Amino acid sequence: MRRTKEEAEQTRQDILSAATRVFSTKSVAKTTLEDIAREAGVTRGAIYWHFKNKKEIFDALHEALHRPLIEMILNDLEKDHPNPLQQLEELCVQLFIDLDKDEQKKQALKLFLIKCDYSGDMEHFKQKHDEQKKEKLKAFCRYFEKAQKKGKLPQDADPKLLTYAIGAYMRGIVHEYMDNPARFNMKKDAPKLMSIFFKGLGV
């Protein structure tokens, strides 16, 4: 029975991986379940076992990006780190290194950051995904708030604006990386890139 569950989970992951590739190539609007099934090497029945329709696959891809990240951040925030800014810097470095190692995550992130079209049937997911983005921003903001409480950040600093700033900075790096990953050696470059941002905060 355990093997059956493992196989079912593997099929689900194969479907999500295939959907990412096809969505990125054809766009979400033009992709059919037949396209995904063909790319995944499964039947449409196998897809219906895991997902009701294409929209549910699309949402599951976003959830697969969002949920592990927010859980990673929230778990990290539970630690009583002496310098929350340093803690956040280390987290950001790790996020870039993990991204560089995970081809599926790279494809999914490129889909949602660069190629995603929320028009038509996908429009109602925009609000949900925006709410999830706000959840991530609030979590990032807590690092700056904790840093202020510990005296590692000036009291006149604005945690909310700093959160927007680091989000924009990291998003820019991701866009450049997606455009040409070969230009980066994330293991070496990620610490240097994040150091540029955090040095401005006195870390």
Protein backbone atom coordinates (compact mmCIF):
# COMPACT_ATOMS: atom_id res chain seq x y z
CA MET A 1 0.00 0.00 0.00
CA ARG A 2 2.84 2.35 0.83
CA ARG A 3 4.37 1.78 -2.59
CA THR A 4 1.05 2.65 -4.21
CA LYS A 5 0.91 5.97 -2.34
CA GLU A 6 4.48 6.75 -3.33
CA GLU A 7 3.71 5.99 -6.96
CA ALA A 8 0.59 8.16 -6.85
CA GLU A 9 2.59 11.05 -5.41
CA GLN A 10 5.26 10.59 -8.07
CA THR A 11 2.58 10.71 -10.77
CA ARG A 12 1.21 13.91 -9.26
CA GLN A 13 4.67 15.46 -9.30
CA ASP A 14 5.22 14.31 -12.89
CA ILE A 15 1.97 16.02 -13.89
CA LEU A 16 2.98 19.27 -12.16
CA SER A 17 6.42 19.19 -13.77
CA ALA A 18 4.90 18.56 -17.18
CA ALA A 19 2.36 21.34 -16.67
CA THR A 20 5.12 23.79 -15.81
CA ARG A 21 6.95 23.00 -19.02
CA VAL A 22 3.86 23.17 -21.23
CA PHE A 23 2.47 26.31 -19.56
CA SER A 24 5.83 28.01 -20.09
CA THR A 25 5.94 27.01 -23.75
CA LYS A 26 2.32 27.41 -24.87
CA SER A 27 0.94 29.71 -22.14
CA VAL A 28 -1.65 28.63 -19.61
CA ALA A 29 -4.59 29.76 -21.74
CA LYS A 30 -3.55 27.70 -24.78
CA THR A 31 -2.59 24.55 -22.87
CA THR A 32 -5.02 21.63 -22.74
CA LEU A 33 -5.15 18.65 -20.42
CA GLU A 34 -4.21 16.54 -23.43
CA ASP A 35 -1.01 18.58 -23.77
CA ILE A 36 -0.14 18.01 -20.13
CA ALA A 37 -0.97 14.31 -20.24
CA ARG A 38 1.17 13.84 -23.32
CA GLU A 39 4.10 15.70 -21.78
CA ALA A 40 3.80 13.76 -18.51
CA GLY A 41 3.40 10.41 -20.25
CA VAL A 42 0.12 9.67 -18.48
CA THR A 43 -3.54 9.36 -19.43
CA ARG A 44 -6.12 12.09 -18.91
CA GLY A 45 -7.69 9.73 -16.38
CA ALA A 46 -4.48 9.88 -14.33
CA ILE A 47 -4.70 13.67 -14.35
CA TYR A 48 -8.34 13.61 -13.23
CA TRP A 49 -7.37 11.33 -10.35
CA HIS A 50 -5.27 14.16 -8.91
CA PHE A 51 -6.81 17.36 -10.32
CA LYS A 52 -10.28 18.46 -11.36
CA ASN A 53 -9.09 20.63 -14.23
CA LYS A 54 -6.29 22.78 -15.64
CA LYS A 55 -7.04 25.63 -13.23
CA GLU A 56 -6.50 23.36 -10.25
CA ILE A 57 -3.11 22.29 -11.67
CA PHE A 58 -2.18 25.96 -12.13
CA ASP A 59 -3.10 26.75 -8.53
CA ALA A 60 -1.25 23.68 -7.24
CA LEU A 61 1.92 24.88 -8.97
CA HIS A 62 1.70 28.22 -7.18
CA GLU A 63 1.00 26.49 -3.87
CA ALA A 64 4.07 24.27 -4.39
CA LEU A 65 6.17 27.43 -4.65
CA HIS A 66 4.50 29.39 -1.89
CA ARG A 67 3.85 26.94 0.91
CA PRO A 68 7.38 25.52 1.43
CA LEU A 69 8.81 29.06 1.31
CA ILE A 70 6.43 30.52 3.89
CA GLU A 71 6.93 27.52 6.16
CA MET A 72 10.70 27.87 5.86
CA ILE A 73 10.48 31.57 6.80
CA LEU A 74 8.08 31.04 9.70
CA ASN A 75 10.22 28.23 11.11
CA ASP A 76 13.28 30.44 10.81
CA LEU A 77 11.51 33.28 12.61
CA GLU A 78 10.90 31.01 15.60
CA LYS A 79 14.64 31.06 16.31
CA ASP A 80 15.88 33.68 18.76
CA HIS A 81 18.73 34.90 16.58
CA PRO A 82 20.92 37.63 18.13
CA ASN A 83 20.92 39.59 14.85
CA PRO A 84 17.72 39.20 12.80
CA LEU A 85 19.24 41.14 9.88
CA GLN A 86 22.08 38.67 9.61
CA GLN A 87 19.55 35.88 9.96
CA LEU A 88 17.51 37.30 7.06
CA GLU A 89 20.62 37.76 4.93
CA GLU A 90 21.56 34.11 5.45
CA LEU A 91 18.02 33.04 4.56
CA CYS A 92 18.04 35.05 1.32
CA VAL A 93 21.39 33.56 0.31
CA GLN A 94 20.04 30.07 0.92
CA LEU A 95 16.93 30.78 -1.14
CA PHE A 96 19.05 31.69 -4.16
CA ILE A 97 21.31 28.67 -3.75
CA ASP A 98 18.30 26.35 -3.41
CA LEU A 99 16.74 27.89 -6.53
CA ASP A 100 19.91 27.30 -8.51
CA LYS A 101 19.82 23.60 -7.63
CA ASP A 102 16.15 22.97 -8.42
CA GLU A 103 15.21 22.96 -12.11
CA GLN A 104 11.51 22.42 -11.40
CA LYS A 105 11.44 25.41 -9.05
CA LYS A 106 13.25 27.54 -11.64
CA GLN A 107 10.70 26.69 -14.31
CA ALA A 108 7.75 27.33 -12.00
CA LEU A 109 9.17 30.61 -10.74
CA LYS A 110 9.81 31.78 -14.29
CA LEU A 111 6.24 30.91 -15.15
CA PHE A 112 4.74 32.99 -12.34
CA LEU A 113 7.19 35.90 -12.39
CA ILE A 114 7.62 36.38 -16.12
CA LYS A 115 5.17 34.39 -18.22
CA CYS A 116 2.05 34.23 -16.10
CA ASP A 117 -1.18 35.54 -17.61
CA TYR A 118 -4.09 35.89 -15.19
CA SER A 119 -6.64 36.74 -17.85
CA GLY A 120 -9.75 34.72 -18.65
CA ASP A 121 -10.34 31.66 -16.48
CA MET A 122 -7.21 32.37 -14.44
CA GLU A 123 -8.31 35.85 -13.35
CA HIS A 124 -9.89 34.75 -10.08
CA PHE A 125 -6.58 33.24 -8.93
CA LYS A 126 -4.90 36.66 -9.04
CA GLN A 127 -6.44 37.78 -5.74
CA LYS A 128 -5.56 34.52 -4.00
CA HIS A 129 -1.97 34.60 -5.21
CA ASP A 130 -1.67 38.28 -4.27
CA GLU A 131 -2.81 37.41 -0.74
CA GLN A 132 -0.14 34.73 -0.56
CA LYS A 133 2.42 37.29 -1.69
CA LYS A 134 1.29 39.60 1.12
CA GLU A 135 1.75 36.72 3.57
CA LYS A 136 5.38 36.35 2.45
CA LEU A 137 5.99 40.09 2.70
CA LYS A 138 4.57 40.18 6.23
CA ALA A 139 6.90 37.34 7.20
CA PHE A 140 9.91 39.18 5.77
CA CYS A 141 8.81 42.33 7.59
CA ARG A 142 9.01 40.53 10.92
CA TYR A 143 12.79 40.20 10.53
CA PHE A 144 13.14 43.99 10.33
CA GLU A 145 10.73 44.48 13.24
CA LYS A 146 12.71 42.01 15.35
CA ALA A 147 15.94 43.77 14.37
CA GLN A 148 14.53 47.08 15.63
CA LYS A 149 13.53 45.53 18.95
CA LYS A 150 17.04 44.13 19.38
CA GLY A 151 18.66 47.45 18.53
CA LYS A 152 20.14 46.19 15.25
CA LEU A 153 18.13 48.62 13.14
CA PRO A 154 17.52 52.36 13.77
CA GLN A 155 14.17 53.18 15.30
CA ASP A 156 13.38 55.61 12.50
CA ALA A 157 13.76 52.86 9.87
CA ASP A 158 10.54 51.69 8.23
CA PRO A 159 10.29 47.86 8.27
CA LYS A 160 7.51 47.93 5.68
CA LEU A 161 9.56 49.96 3.17
CA LEU A 162 12.62 47.81 3.82
CA THR A 163 10.49 44.75 3.06
CA TYR A 164 9.42 46.26 -0.27
CA ALA A 165 13.04 47.18 -0.99
CA ILE A 166 14.46 43.70 -0.40
CA GLY A 167 11.57 42.16 -2.33
CA ALA A 168 12.29 44.40 -5.33
CA TYR A 169 16.04 43.75 -5.05
CA MET A 170 15.64 39.98 -4.96
CA ARG A 171 13.05 40.03 -7.72
CA GLY A 172 15.49 41.93 -9.92
CA ILE A 173 18.22 39.38 -9.28
CA VAL A 174 15.82 36.54 -10.12
CA HIS A 175 14.85 38.21 -13.41
CA GLU A 176 18.49 38.61 -14.40
CA TYR A 177 19.22 35.05 -13.35
CA MET A 178 16.28 33.65 -15.31
CA ASP A 179 17.36 35.59 -18.38
CA ASN A 180 20.79 33.92 -18.35
CA PRO A 181 21.56 31.50 -15.48
CA ALA A 182 25.05 30.83 -16.91
CA ARG A 183 26.12 34.33 -15.87
CA PHE A 184 25.74 33.39 -12.21
CA ASN A 185 27.53 31.08 -9.82
CA MET A 186 24.96 31.32 -7.05
CA LYS A 187 27.10 29.55 -4.47
CA LYS A 188 29.64 32.36 -4.79
CA ASP A 189 27.50 35.22 -6.05
CA ALA A 190 24.46 34.99 -3.74
CA PRO A 191 26.43 35.90 -0.54
CA LYS A 192 28.05 38.86 -2.34
CA LEU A 193 24.78 40.08 -3.83
CA MET A 194 22.95 39.99 -0.51
CA SER A 195 25.91 41.58 1.27
CA ILE A 196 25.53 44.62 -1.02
CA PHE A 197 21.97 45.11 0.23
CA PHE A 198 22.57 44.44 3.91
CA LYS A 199 25.77 46.50 4.18
CA GLY A 200 23.58 49.50 3.56
CA LEU A 201 21.72 48.59 6.74
CA GLY A 202 24.91 48.36 8.77
CA VAL A 203 25.01 44.55 8.97
